[in-house]
């Protein structure tokens, strides 16, 4: 009986030492994660960056760039807008030729966005009597913005089109920050008024050029 008690006592002592070692290891791990040791240790802050989505009205902004004599690097634009933020999605809405034999990757409105992390939404140009052509993405862009507004904190609309004023108001009313980026001389004053921030590309042209 005495031998059994001695074995149990030895086992309990060993278990106690194991628990102490585990506690010490946990303490060291905690102090390492906190970045400090001792009584003055301050819990480390985990920075959560705002989630960002970018929507580019390609014809509108490229025409503005051409009239301003600026060729933008859209990779630089994405980096500029996502500084201090987490880029969730960037979409460029680009019209393409209605010629079924034309290669999409060679299209004028598509090429600037290739290999820069943008999803490219395309739509064939419509030809009207008299020879005019048009491709309007207002509806598609608005639907995507409204859909994404539930999943991001900031939306940047790259367009100067005043038709988007009501869209900006609706998204802003949902508590999402809406920024508008375009060339000042081709931006609707109505759109500027409702944006939380307006970014005139002309002011940053040197760092955003291709």
Protein backbone atom coordinates (compact mmCIF):
# COMPACT_ATOMS: atom_id res chain seq x y z
CA UNK A 1 0.00 0.00 0.00
CA UNK A 2 2.83 2.36 0.91
CA UNK A 3 4.55 1.68 -2.39
CA UNK A 4 1.31 2.51 -4.26
CA UNK A 5 0.95 5.81 -2.40
CA UNK A 6 4.56 6.71 -3.17
CA UNK A 7 4.04 5.99 -6.89
CA UNK A 8 0.86 8.11 -6.96
CA UNK A 9 2.65 10.93 -5.16
CA UNK A 10 5.52 10.81 -7.64
CA UNK A 11 3.02 10.84 -10.53
CA UNK A 12 1.20 13.86 -9.13
CA UNK A 13 4.48 15.69 -8.67
CA UNK A 14 5.43 14.97 -12.29
CA UNK A 15 2.05 16.16 -13.51
CA UNK A 16 2.46 19.33 -11.45
CA UNK A 17 5.83 20.03 -13.04
CA UNK A 18 4.37 19.46 -16.52
CA UNK A 19 1.53 21.90 -15.83
CA UNK A 20 4.02 24.51 -14.58
CA UNK A 21 6.12 24.10 -17.72
CA UNK A 22 3.05 24.51 -19.92
CA UNK A 23 2.04 27.63 -17.99
CA UNK A 24 5.52 29.11 -18.42
CA UNK A 25 5.46 28.36 -22.14
CA UNK A 26 2.05 30.02 -22.47
CA UNK A 27 3.31 33.08 -20.59
CA UNK A 28 6.36 33.39 -22.85
CA UNK A 29 4.18 33.02 -25.95
CA UNK A 30 1.77 35.67 -24.73
CA UNK A 31 4.58 38.10 -23.92
CA UNK A 32 6.12 37.52 -27.34
CA UNK A 33 2.84 38.24 -29.09
CA UNK A 34 2.30 41.36 -27.02
CA UNK A 35 5.75 42.58 -27.91
CA UNK A 36 6.61 43.33 -24.28
CA UNK A 37 7.41 41.44 -21.09
CA UNK A 38 6.66 42.20 -17.47
CA UNK A 39 3.96 44.12 -15.69
CA UNK A 40 3.91 46.96 -18.24
CA UNK A 41 2.94 44.70 -21.10
CA UNK A 42 0.33 46.34 -23.35
CA UNK A 43 -1.91 44.21 -25.56
CA UNK A 44 -0.86 44.45 -29.20
CA UNK A 45 -3.28 46.19 -31.53
CA UNK A 46 -4.37 44.37 -34.63
CA UNK A 47 -4.95 46.99 -37.31
CA UNK A 48 -7.96 46.29 -39.51
CA UNK A 49 -7.71 48.21 -42.75
CA UNK A 50 -10.83 49.55 -44.51
CA UNK A 51 -12.03 47.31 -47.33
CA UNK A 52 -11.99 48.99 -50.74
CA UNK A 53 -13.64 48.43 -54.10
CA UNK A 54 -12.80 50.41 -57.27
CA UNK A 55 -15.18 50.86 -60.21
CA UNK A 56 -13.88 52.44 -63.41
CA UNK A 57 -16.15 53.96 -66.06
CA UNK A 58 -13.52 53.37 -68.74
CA UNK A 59 -14.75 55.46 -71.70
CA UNK A 60 -15.52 58.44 -69.49
CA UNK A 61 -12.16 58.47 -67.76
CA UNK A 62 -10.04 57.63 -70.82
CA UNK A 63 -11.63 60.41 -72.84
CA UNK A 64 -10.86 62.74 -69.94
CA UNK A 65 -7.27 61.49 -69.90
CA UNK A 66 -6.88 62.04 -73.62
CA UNK A 67 -8.23 65.58 -73.46
CA UNK A 68 -5.77 66.27 -70.62
CA UNK A 69 -2.86 64.68 -72.45
CA UNK A 70 -2.31 62.10 -69.73
CA UNK A 71 -1.73 58.37 -70.16
CA UNK A 72 -2.49 56.66 -66.88
CA UNK A 73 -0.88 53.55 -65.48
CA UNK A 74 -3.82 51.73 -63.95
CA UNK A 75 -1.64 49.63 -61.72
CA UNK A 76 -0.34 52.84 -60.14
CA UNK A 77 -3.91 54.13 -59.83
CA UNK A 78 -4.96 50.99 -57.93
CA UNK A 79 -1.92 51.26 -55.64
CA UNK A 80 -2.61 54.94 -55.02
CA UNK A 81 -6.25 54.37 -54.11
CA UNK A 82 -5.58 51.30 -51.96
CA UNK A 83 -2.85 52.87 -49.83
CA UNK A 84 -3.76 52.13 -46.21
CA UNK A 85 -6.68 49.99 -47.33
CA UNK A 86 -7.39 46.42 -48.37
CA UNK A 87 -8.36 46.22 -52.03
CA UNK A 88 -11.19 43.71 -52.32
CA UNK A 89 -12.05 44.25 -55.97
CA UNK A 90 -11.32 46.53 -58.92
CA UNK A 91 -13.56 46.41 -61.98
CA UNK A 92 -13.11 48.25 -65.28
CA UNK A 93 -16.16 48.58 -67.54
CA UNK A 94 -14.86 48.57 -71.10
CA UNK A 95 -16.84 48.64 -74.36
CA UNK A 96 -15.53 46.44 -77.13
CA UNK A 97 -16.08 46.13 -80.85
CA UNK A 98 -19.23 44.45 -82.11
CA UNK A 99 -17.04 42.57 -84.59
CA UNK A 100 -17.05 38.92 -83.40
CA UNK A 101 -13.64 38.34 -84.98
CA UNK A 102 -11.94 41.08 -82.97
CA UNK A 103 -9.67 39.96 -80.13
CA UNK A 104 -10.81 41.36 -76.79
CA UNK A 105 -7.26 41.65 -75.40
CA UNK A 106 -6.40 44.04 -78.26
CA UNK A 107 -9.35 46.34 -77.73
CA UNK A 108 -8.57 50.00 -77.06
CA UNK A 109 -10.52 50.23 -73.80
CA UNK A 110 -9.29 46.85 -72.52
CA UNK A 111 -5.53 47.06 -73.06
CA UNK A 112 -4.78 49.68 -70.33
CA UNK A 113 -6.21 47.40 -67.62
CA UNK A 114 -4.59 44.10 -68.54
CA UNK A 115 -2.20 42.63 -65.97
CA UNK A 116 -3.03 45.26 -63.34
CA UNK A 117 -5.39 43.22 -61.17
CA UNK A 118 -8.65 44.54 -62.61
CA UNK A 119 -11.62 42.46 -63.55
CA UNK A 120 -12.68 43.70 -66.97
CA UNK A 121 -16.40 43.79 -67.74
CA UNK A 122 -17.00 44.10 -71.46
CA UNK A 123 -19.99 44.94 -73.62
CA UNK A 124 -20.20 45.28 -77.44
CA UNK A 125 -20.75 48.74 -78.86
CA UNK A 126 -24.18 49.37 -80.32
CA UNK A 127 -24.43 50.94 -83.75
CA UNK A 128 -27.24 53.35 -84.50
CA UNK A 129 -28.72 54.71 -87.68
CA UNK A 130 -26.44 57.45 -88.90
CA UNK A 131 -23.26 55.60 -87.93
CA UNK A 132 -23.01 56.56 -84.25
CA UNK A 133 -21.91 53.94 -81.73
CA UNK A 134 -22.44 53.69 -77.98
CA UNK A 135 -21.92 51.31 -75.07
CA UNK A 136 -23.49 52.41 -71.80
CA UNK A 137 -22.49 50.58 -68.62
CA UNK A 138 -24.45 52.73 -66.19
CA UNK A 139 -26.86 49.97 -65.18
CA UNK A 140 -24.23 47.23 -64.83
CA UNK A 141 -21.87 49.45 -62.89
CA UNK A 142 -24.64 50.67 -60.56
CA UNK A 143 -25.81 47.12 -59.81
CA UNK A 144 -22.26 46.00 -59.00
CA UNK A 145 -21.65 49.01 -56.75
CA UNK A 146 -24.88 48.40 -54.82
CA UNK A 147 -24.05 44.70 -54.48
CA UNK A 148 -20.52 45.34 -53.21
CA UNK A 149 -21.60 48.11 -50.84
CA UNK A 150 -22.62 45.45 -48.30
CA UNK A 151 -19.09 43.99 -48.28
CA UNK A 152 -16.75 46.98 -48.29
CA UNK A 153 -16.11 50.15 -46.31
CA UNK A 154 -14.99 52.42 -49.15
CA UNK A 155 -16.01 52.62 -52.79
CA UNK A 156 -14.10 54.66 -55.33
CA UNK A 157 -16.02 55.57 -58.46
CA UNK A 158 -13.60 56.53 -61.22
CA UNK A 159 -15.86 58.64 -63.40
CA UNK A 160 -16.96 62.22 -63.81
CA UNK A 161 -20.44 61.32 -65.10
CA UNK A 162 -23.16 63.23 -63.25
CA UNK A 163 -25.63 60.42 -63.95
CA UNK A 164 -24.04 58.58 -61.01
CA UNK A 165 -25.02 61.23 -58.49
CA UNK A 166 -28.04 59.31 -57.16
CA UNK A 167 -26.01 56.10 -56.94
CA UNK A 168 -23.41 57.86 -54.78
CA UNK A 169 -26.16 59.23 -52.53
CA UNK A 170 -27.75 55.81 -52.04
CA UNK A 171 -24.47 54.07 -51.25
CA UNK A 172 -23.44 56.87 -48.91
CA UNK A 173 -26.75 56.53 -47.06
CA UNK A 174 -25.78 52.93 -46.32
CA UNK A 175 -22.80 54.10 -44.34
CA UNK A 176 -20.22 53.38 -47.03
CA UNK A 177 -17.62 56.04 -47.80
CA UNK A 178 -17.82 57.01 -51.47
CA UNK A 179 -14.94 58.74 -53.22
CA UNK A 180 -15.01 60.04 -56.78
CA UNK A 181 -11.89 60.17 -58.92
CA UNK A 182 -11.79 61.90 -62.29
CA UNK A 183 -10.32 64.83 -64.20
CA UNK A 184 -11.56 68.09 -62.75
CA UNK A 185 -12.49 69.75 -66.01
CA UNK A 186 -14.65 66.81 -67.07
CA UNK A 187 -16.40 66.09 -63.76
CA UNK A 188 -20.00 66.99 -63.02
CA UNK A 189 -20.33 69.47 -60.17
CA UNK A 190 -23.31 67.44 -58.92
CA UNK A 191 -21.09 64.39 -58.54
CA UNK A 192 -18.45 66.33 -56.64
CA UNK A 193 -21.01 67.65 -54.17
CA UNK A 194 -22.26 64.24 -53.05
CA UNK A 195 -18.87 62.48 -52.81
CA UNK A 196 -17.16 62.08 -49.43
CA UNK A 197 -13.91 62.90 -51.20
CA UNK A 198 -13.14 64.13 -54.69
CA UNK A 199 -9.79 63.26 -56.26
CA UNK A 200 -8.73 65.34 -59.26
CA UNK A 201 -6.44 63.08 -61.27
CA UNK A 202 -4.74 66.11 -62.80
CA UNK A 203 -3.24 66.95 -59.40
CA UNK A 204 -1.58 63.53 -59.18
CA UNK A 205 -0.85 63.01 -62.87
CA UNK A 206 2.93 62.88 -62.45
CA UNK A 207 2.81 59.92 -60.07
CA UNK A 208 0.04 58.10 -61.94
CA UNK A 209 1.41 58.36 -65.48
CA UNK A 210 2.30 55.27 -67.47
